[in-house]
């Protein structure tokens, strides 16, 4: 999720393409939980989501960079 483009919106389909099998199996539960917590919001287009606050998106990107550096 940290490899999102600069736009605030993303499509599930495009994000899942970048995931391995284990990540794919868990993503929908993760996405649903993030919706319940108010981190993600559905857009009008089916399968399209956005971060409800830019700070949430920034946090995810920073965590992804840290995880990538740790290897």
PDB file of N, CA and C in Angstrom:
ATOM      1  N   UNK A   1       0.825  -1.187   0.000  1.00  0.00           N
ATOM      2  CA  UNK A   1       0.000   0.000   0.000  1.00  0.00           C
ATOM      3  C   UNK A   1       0.872   1.254   0.000  1.00  0.00           C
ATOM      4  N   UNK A   2       2.096   1.127   0.439  1.00  0.00           N
ATOM      5  CA  UNK A   2       2.981   2.267   0.441  1.00  0.00           C
ATOM      6  C   UNK A   2       3.491   2.648  -0.935  1.00  0.00           C
ATOM      7  N   UNK A   3       3.238   1.814  -1.941  1.00  0.00           N
ATOM      8  CA  UNK A   3       3.677   2.100  -3.303  1.00  0.00           C
ATOM      9  C   UNK A   3       2.589   2.789  -4.112  1.00  0.00           C
ATOM     10  N   UNK A   4       1.696   3.449  -3.460  1.00  0.00           N
ATOM     11  CA  UNK A   4       0.604   4.134  -4.144  1.00  0.00           C
ATOM     12  C   UNK A   4       1.129   5.312  -4.944  1.00  0.00           C
ATOM     13  N   UNK A   5       0.452   5.643  -6.033  1.00  0.00           N
ATOM     14  CA  UNK A   5       0.848   6.844  -6.772  1.00  0.00           C
ATOM     15  C   UNK A   5       0.577   8.091  -5.932  1.00  0.00           C
ATOM     16  N   UNK A   6       0.956   9.238  -6.439  1.00  0.00           N
ATOM     17  CA  UNK A   6       0.814  10.480  -5.677  1.00  0.00           C
ATOM     18  C   UNK A   6      -0.629  10.919  -5.481  1.00  0.00           C
ATOM     19  N   UNK A   7      -1.537  10.419  -6.292  1.00  0.00           N
ATOM     20  CA  UNK A   7      -2.941  10.799  -6.136  1.00  0.00           C
ATOM     21  C   UNK A   7      -3.499  10.232  -4.831  1.00  0.00           C
ATOM     22  N   UNK A   8      -4.539  10.858  -4.329  1.00  0.00           N
ATOM     23  CA  UNK A   8      -5.150  10.411  -3.079  1.00  0.00           C
ATOM     24  C   UNK A   8      -6.020   9.179  -3.292  1.00  0.00           C
ATOM     25  N   UNK A   9      -6.453   8.943  -4.539  1.00  0.00           N
ATOM     26  CA  UNK A   9      -7.316   7.801  -4.841  1.00  0.00           C
ATOM     27  C   UNK A   9      -6.485   6.629  -5.350  1.00  0.00           C
ATOM     28  N   UNK A  10      -7.011   5.421  -5.147  1.00  0.00           N
ATOM     29  CA  UNK A  10      -6.384   4.238  -5.732  1.00  0.00           C
ATOM     30  C   UNK A  10      -7.462   3.210  -6.026  1.00  0.00           C
ATOM     31  N   UNK A  11      -7.149   2.328  -6.950  1.00  0.00           N
ATOM     32  CA  UNK A  11      -8.066   1.244  -7.311  1.00  0.00           C
ATOM     33  C   UNK A  11      -7.543  -0.055  -6.731  1.00  0.00           C
ATOM     34  N   UNK A  12      -8.444  -0.801  -6.141  1.00  0.00           N
ATOM     35  CA  UNK A  12      -8.097  -2.080  -5.543  1.00  0.00           C
ATOM     36  C   UNK A  12      -7.398  -2.970  -6.561  1.00  0.00           C
ATOM     37  N   UNK A  13      -7.955  -3.042  -7.758  1.00  0.00           N
ATOM     38  CA  UNK A  13      -7.441  -3.907  -8.819  1.00  0.00           C
ATOM     39  C   UNK A  13      -5.968  -3.621  -9.113  1.00  0.00           C
ATOM     40  N   UNK A  14      -5.616  -2.353  -9.192  1.00  0.00           N
ATOM     41  CA  UNK A  14      -4.238  -1.967  -9.499  1.00  0.00           C
ATOM     42  C   UNK A  14      -3.298  -2.265  -8.333  1.00  0.00           C
ATOM     43  N   UNK A  15      -3.780  -2.091  -7.142  1.00  0.00           N
ATOM     44  CA  UNK A  15      -2.970  -2.337  -5.954  1.00  0.00           C
ATOM     45  C   UNK A  15      -2.703  -3.829  -5.771  1.00  0.00           C
ATOM     46  N   UNK A  16      -3.719  -4.649  -5.997  1.00  0.00           N
ATOM     47  CA  UNK A  16      -3.600  -6.097  -5.812  1.00  0.00           C
ATOM     48  C   UNK A  16      -2.598  -6.703  -6.799  1.00  0.00           C
ATOM     49  N   UNK A  17      -2.474  -6.109  -7.981  1.00  0.00           N
ATOM     50  CA  UNK A  17      -1.511  -6.599  -8.981  1.00  0.00           C
ATOM     51  C   UNK A  17      -0.090  -6.613  -8.440  1.00  0.00           C
ATOM     52  N   UNK A  18       0.221  -5.684  -7.558  1.00  0.00           N
ATOM     53  CA  UNK A  18       1.577  -5.537  -7.022  1.00  0.00           C
ATOM     54  C   UNK A  18       1.847  -6.439  -5.816  1.00  0.00           C
ATOM     55  N   UNK A  19       0.837  -7.160  -5.347  1.00  0.00           N
ATOM     56  CA  UNK A  19       0.966  -7.951  -4.121  1.00  0.00           C
ATOM     57  C   UNK A  19       1.322  -9.404  -4.409  1.00  0.00           C
ATOM     58  N   UNK A  20       1.964 -10.034  -3.426  1.00  0.00           N
ATOM     59  CA  UNK A  20       2.185 -11.473  -3.533  1.00  0.00           C
ATOM     60  C   UNK A  20       0.922 -12.196  -3.049  1.00  0.00           C
ATOM     61  N   UNK A  21       0.907 -13.505  -3.150  1.00  0.00           N
ATOM     62  CA  UNK A  21      -0.296 -14.288  -2.841  1.00  0.00           C
ATOM     63  C   UNK A  21      -0.758 -14.106  -1.394  1.00  0.00           C
ATOM     64  N   UNK A  22       0.161 -14.098  -0.462  1.00  0.00           N
ATOM     65  CA  UNK A  22      -0.183 -13.929   0.949  1.00  0.00           C
ATOM     66  C   UNK A  22      -0.836 -12.572   1.202  1.00  0.00           C
ATOM     67  N   UNK A  23      -0.270 -11.535   0.608  1.00  0.00           N
ATOM     68  CA  UNK A  23      -0.830 -10.192   0.770  1.00  0.00           C
ATOM     69  C   UNK A  23      -2.223 -10.101   0.158  1.00  0.00           C
ATOM     70  N   UNK A  24      -2.407 -10.735  -0.999  1.00  0.00           N
ATOM     71  CA  UNK A  24      -3.728 -10.719  -1.655  1.00  0.00           C
ATOM     72  C   UNK A  24      -4.800 -11.349  -0.776  1.00  0.00           C
ATOM     73  N   UNK A  25      -4.451 -12.461  -0.132  1.00  0.00           N
ATOM     74  CA  UNK A  25      -5.433 -13.164   0.710  1.00  0.00           C
ATOM     75  C   UNK A  25      -5.878 -12.309   1.892  1.00  0.00           C
ATOM     76  N   UNK A  26      -5.000 -11.463   2.390  1.00  0.00           N
ATOM     77  CA  UNK A  26      -5.303 -10.671   3.578  1.00  0.00           C
ATOM     78  C   UNK A  26      -5.783  -9.252   3.289  1.00  0.00           C
ATOM     79  N   UNK A  27      -5.616  -8.801   2.060  1.00  0.00           N
ATOM     80  CA  UNK A  27      -5.884  -7.403   1.749  1.00  0.00           C
ATOM     81  C   UNK A  27      -7.327  -6.990   1.983  1.00  0.00           C
ATOM     82  N   UNK A  28      -8.299  -7.799   1.574  1.00  0.00           N
ATOM     83  CA  UNK A  28      -9.698  -7.387   1.713  1.00  0.00           C
ATOM     84  C   UNK A  28     -10.112  -7.222   3.173  1.00  0.00           C
ATOM     85  N   UNK A  29      -9.617  -8.089   4.043  1.00  0.00           N
ATOM     86  CA  UNK A  29      -9.902  -7.925   5.476  1.00  0.00           C
ATOM     87  C   UNK A  29      -9.255  -6.644   6.005  1.00  0.00           C
ATOM     88  N   UNK A  30      -8.025  -6.394   5.580  1.00  0.00           N
ATOM     89  CA  UNK A  30      -7.318  -5.177   5.983  1.00  0.00           C
ATOM     90  C   UNK A  30      -8.066  -3.939   5.492  1.00  0.00           C
ATOM     91  N   UNK A  31      -8.454  -3.942   4.216  1.00  0.00           N
ATOM     92  CA  UNK A  31      -9.169  -2.807   3.628  1.00  0.00           C
ATOM     93  C   UNK A  31     -10.488  -2.563   4.343  1.00  0.00           C
ATOM     94  N   UNK A  32     -11.204  -3.628   4.632  1.00  0.00           N
ATOM     95  CA  UNK A  32     -12.487  -3.502   5.330  1.00  0.00           C
ATOM     96  C   UNK A  32     -12.285  -2.899   6.723  1.00  0.00           C
ATOM     97  N   UNK A  33     -11.259  -3.334   7.414  1.00  0.00           N
ATOM     98  CA  UNK A  33     -10.978  -2.802   8.754  1.00  0.00           C
ATOM     99  C   UNK A  33     -10.599  -1.321   8.671  1.00  0.00           C
ATOM    100  N   UNK A  34      -9.833  -0.945   7.672  1.00  0.00           N
ATOM    101  CA  UNK A  34      -9.450   0.458   7.493  1.00  0.00           C
ATOM    102  C   UNK A  34     -10.674   1.323   7.173  1.00  0.00           C
ATOM    103  N   UNK A  35     -11.648   0.768   6.479  1.00  0.00           N
ATOM    104  CA  UNK A  35     -12.900   1.494   6.230  1.00  0.00           C
ATOM    105  C   UNK A  35     -13.660   1.697   7.539  1.00  0.00           C
ATOM    106  N   UNK A  36     -13.736   0.633   8.352  1.00  0.00           N
ATOM    107  CA  UNK A  36     -14.443   0.716   9.632  1.00  0.00           C
ATOM    108  C   UNK A  36     -13.812   1.763  10.548  1.00  0.00           C
ATOM    109  N   UNK A  37     -12.498   1.884  10.493  1.00  0.00           N
ATOM    110  CA  UNK A  37     -11.781   2.847  11.336  1.00  0.00           C
ATOM    111  C   UNK A  37     -11.818   4.266  10.770  1.00  0.00           C
ATOM    112  N   UNK A  38     -12.314   4.412   9.560  1.00  0.00           N
ATOM    113  CA  UNK A  38     -12.402   5.732   8.945  1.00  0.00           C
ATOM    114  C   UNK A  38     -11.136   6.186   8.242  1.00  0.00           C
ATOM    115  N   UNK A  39     -10.204   5.273   8.026  1.00  0.00           N
ATOM    116  CA  UNK A  39      -8.955   5.607   7.340  1.00  0.00           C
ATOM    117  C   UNK A  39      -9.179   5.669   5.832  1.00  0.00           C
ATOM    118  N   UNK A  40      -9.953   4.705   5.306  1.00  0.00           N
ATOM    119  CA  UNK A  40     -10.272   4.659   3.879  1.00  0.00           C
ATOM    120  C   UNK A  40     -11.745   4.942   3.665  1.00  0.00           C
ATOM    121  N   UNK A  41     -12.044   5.550   2.539  1.00  0.00           N
ATOM    122  CA  UNK A  41     -13.434   5.815   2.154  1.00  0.00           C
ATOM    123  C   UNK A  41     -13.628   5.356   0.715  1.00  0.00           C
ATOM    124  N   UNK A  42     -14.792   4.790   0.434  1.00  0.00           N
ATOM    125  CA  UNK A  42     -15.117   4.365  -0.929  1.00  0.00           C
ATOM    126  C   UNK A  42     -15.406   5.585  -1.787  1.00  0.00           C
ATOM    127  N   UNK A  43     -15.044   5.478  -3.045  1.00  0.00           N
ATOM    128  CA  UNK A  43     -15.348   6.510  -4.032  1.00  0.00           C
ATOM    129  C   UNK A  43     -16.575   6.067  -4.825  1.00  0.00           C
ATOM    130  N   UNK A  44     -17.019   6.898  -5.735  1.00  0.00           N
ATOM    131  CA  UNK A  44     -18.196   6.579  -6.539  1.00  0.00           C
ATOM    132  C   UNK A  44     -17.952   5.418  -7.496  1.00  0.00           C
ATOM    133  N   UNK A  45     -16.744   5.288  -8.005  1.00  0.00           N
ATOM    134  CA  UNK A  45     -16.399   4.216  -8.935  1.00  0.00           C
ATOM    135  C   UNK A  45     -16.138   2.939  -8.141  1.00  0.00           C
ATOM    136  N   UNK A  46     -16.736   1.839  -8.581  1.00  0.00           N
ATOM    137  CA  UNK A  46     -16.565   0.562  -7.888  1.00  0.00           C
ATOM    138  C   UNK A  46     -15.075   0.183  -7.828  1.00  0.00           C
ATOM    139  N   UNK A  47     -14.631  -0.212  -6.650  1.00  0.00           N
ATOM    140  CA  UNK A  47     -13.253  -0.631  -6.456  1.00  0.00           C
ATOM    141  C   UNK A  47     -12.266   0.507  -6.262  1.00  0.00           C
ATOM    142  N   UNK A  48     -12.766   1.720  -6.183  1.00  0.00           N
ATOM    143  CA  UNK A  48     -11.890   2.878  -6.002  1.00  0.00           C
ATOM    144  C   UNK A  48     -12.033   3.397  -4.572  1.00  0.00           C
ATOM    145  N   UNK A  49     -10.899   3.706  -3.951  1.00  0.00           N
ATOM    146  CA  UNK A  49     -10.870   4.165  -2.565  1.00  0.00           C
ATOM    147  C   UNK A  49      -9.969   5.377  -2.453  1.00  0.00           C
ATOM    148  N   UNK A  50     -10.123   6.094  -1.352  1.00  0.00           N
ATOM    149  CA  UNK A  50      -9.249   7.225  -1.061  1.00  0.00           C
ATOM    150  C   UNK A  50      -9.009   7.258   0.443  1.00  0.00           C
ATOM    151  N   UNK A  51      -7.900   7.856   0.824  1.00  0.00           N
ATOM    152  CA  UNK A  51      -7.636   8.069   2.240  1.00  0.00           C
ATOM    153  C   UNK A  51      -8.500   9.230   2.695  1.00  0.00           C
ATOM    154  N   UNK A  52      -9.175   9.067   3.816  1.00  0.00           N
ATOM    155  CA  UNK A  52     -10.074  10.112   4.300  1.00  0.00           C
ATOM    156  C   UNK A  52      -9.301  11.331   4.817  1.00  0.00           C
ATOM    157  N   UNK A  53      -8.025  11.141   5.100  1.00  0.00           N
ATOM    158  CA  UNK A  53      -7.174  12.231   5.570  1.00  0.00           C
ATOM    159  C   UNK A  53      -5.787  12.031   4.955  1.00  0.00           C
ATOM    160  N   UNK A  54      -5.197  13.065   4.419  1.00  0.00           N
ATOM    161  CA  UNK A  54      -3.875  12.951   3.791  1.00  0.00           C
ATOM    162  C   UNK A  54      -2.801  12.476   4.769  1.00  0.00           C
ATOM    163  N   UNK A  55      -2.982  12.750   6.054  1.00  0.00           N
ATOM    164  CA  UNK A  55      -2.000  12.294   7.041  1.00  0.00           C
ATOM    165  C   UNK A  55      -1.975  10.775   7.147  1.00  0.00           C
ATOM    166  N   UNK A  56      -3.127  10.122   6.961  1.00  0.00           N
ATOM    167  CA  UNK A  56      -3.166   8.656   6.968  1.00  0.00           C
ATOM    168  C   UNK A  56      -2.320   8.117   5.817  1.00  0.00           C
ATOM    169  N   UNK A  57      -2.480   8.725   4.658  1.00  0.00           N
ATOM    170  CA  UNK A  57      -1.732   8.304   3.475  1.00  0.00           C
ATOM    171  C   UNK A  57      -0.232   8.520   3.687  1.00  0.00           C
ATOM    172  N   UNK A  58       0.124   9.658   4.233  1.00  0.00           N
ATOM    173  CA  UNK A  58       1.524   9.956   4.507  1.00  0.00           C
ATOM    174  C   UNK A  58       2.118   8.930   5.473  1.00  0.00           C
ATOM    175  N   UNK A  59       1.375   8.573   6.501  1.00  0.00           N
ATOM    176  CA  UNK A  59       1.838   7.589   7.477  1.00  0.00           C
ATOM    177  C   UNK A  59       2.101   6.239   6.806  1.00  0.00           C
ATOM    178  N   UNK A  60       1.178   5.792   5.966  1.00  0.00           N
ATOM    179  CA  UNK A  60       1.336   4.511   5.272  1.00  0.00           C
ATOM    180  C   UNK A  60       2.577   4.542   4.382  1.00  0.00           C
ATOM    181  N   UNK A  61       2.786   5.636   3.684  1.00  0.00           N
ATOM    182  CA  UNK A  61       3.957   5.751   2.811  1.00  0.00           C
ATOM    183  C   UNK A  61       5.258   5.723   3.613  1.00  0.00           C
ATOM    184  N   UNK A  62       5.299   6.412   4.738  1.00  0.00           N
ATOM    185  CA  UNK A  62       6.504   6.424   5.572  1.00  0.00           C
ATOM    186  C   UNK A  62       6.784   5.036   6.128  1.00  0.00           C
ATOM    187  N   UNK A  63       5.752   4.359   6.605  1.00  0.00           N
ATOM    188  CA  UNK A  63       5.929   3.002   7.131  1.00  0.00           C
ATOM    189  C   UNK A  63       6.426   2.049   6.048  1.00  0.00           C
ATOM    190  N   UNK A  64       5.932   2.204   4.831  1.00  0.00           N
ATOM    191  CA  UNK A  64       6.375   1.359   3.720  1.00  0.00           C
ATOM    192  C   UNK A  64       7.850   1.610   3.402  1.00  0.00           C
ATOM    193  N   UNK A  65       8.262   2.864   3.435  1.00  0.00           N
ATOM    194  CA  UNK A  65       9.671   3.191   3.182  1.00  0.00           C
ATOM    195  C   UNK A  65      10.577   2.601   4.258  1.00  0.00           C
ATOM    196  N   UNK A  66      10.151   2.686   5.498  1.00  0.00           N
ATOM    197  CA  UNK A  66      10.930   2.120   6.608  1.00  0.00           C
ATOM    198  C   UNK A  66      11.044   0.606   6.453  1.00  0.00           C
ATOM    199  N   UNK A  67       9.934  -0.047   6.131  1.00  0.00           N
ATOM    200  CA  UNK A  67       9.936  -1.502   5.951  1.00  0.00           C
ATOM    201  C   UNK A  67      10.825  -1.904   4.777  1.00  0.00           C
ATOM    202  N   UNK A  68      10.814  -1.120   3.721  1.00  0.00           N
ATOM    203  CA  UNK A  68      11.631  -1.395   2.543  1.00  0.00           C
ATOM    204  C   UNK A  68      13.119  -1.284   2.874  1.00  0.00           C
ATOM    205  N   UNK A  69      13.485  -0.299   3.671  1.00  0.00           N
ATOM    206  CA  UNK A  69      14.884  -0.120   4.057  1.00  0.00           C
ATOM    207  C   UNK A  69      15.378  -1.263   4.932  1.00  0.00           C
ATOM    208  N   UNK A  70      14.506  -1.784   5.768  1.00  0.00           N
ATOM    209  CA  UNK A  70      14.878  -2.906   6.644  1.00  0.00           C
ATOM    210  C   UNK A  70      15.057  -4.185   5.844  1.00  0.00           C
ATOM    211  N   UNK A  71      14.402  -4.226   4.680  1.00  0.00           N
ATOM    212  CA  UNK A  71      14.538  -5.345   3.757  1.00  0.00           C
ATOM    213  C   UNK A  71      13.854  -6.537   4.217  1.00  0.00           C
TER     214      UNK A  71
END
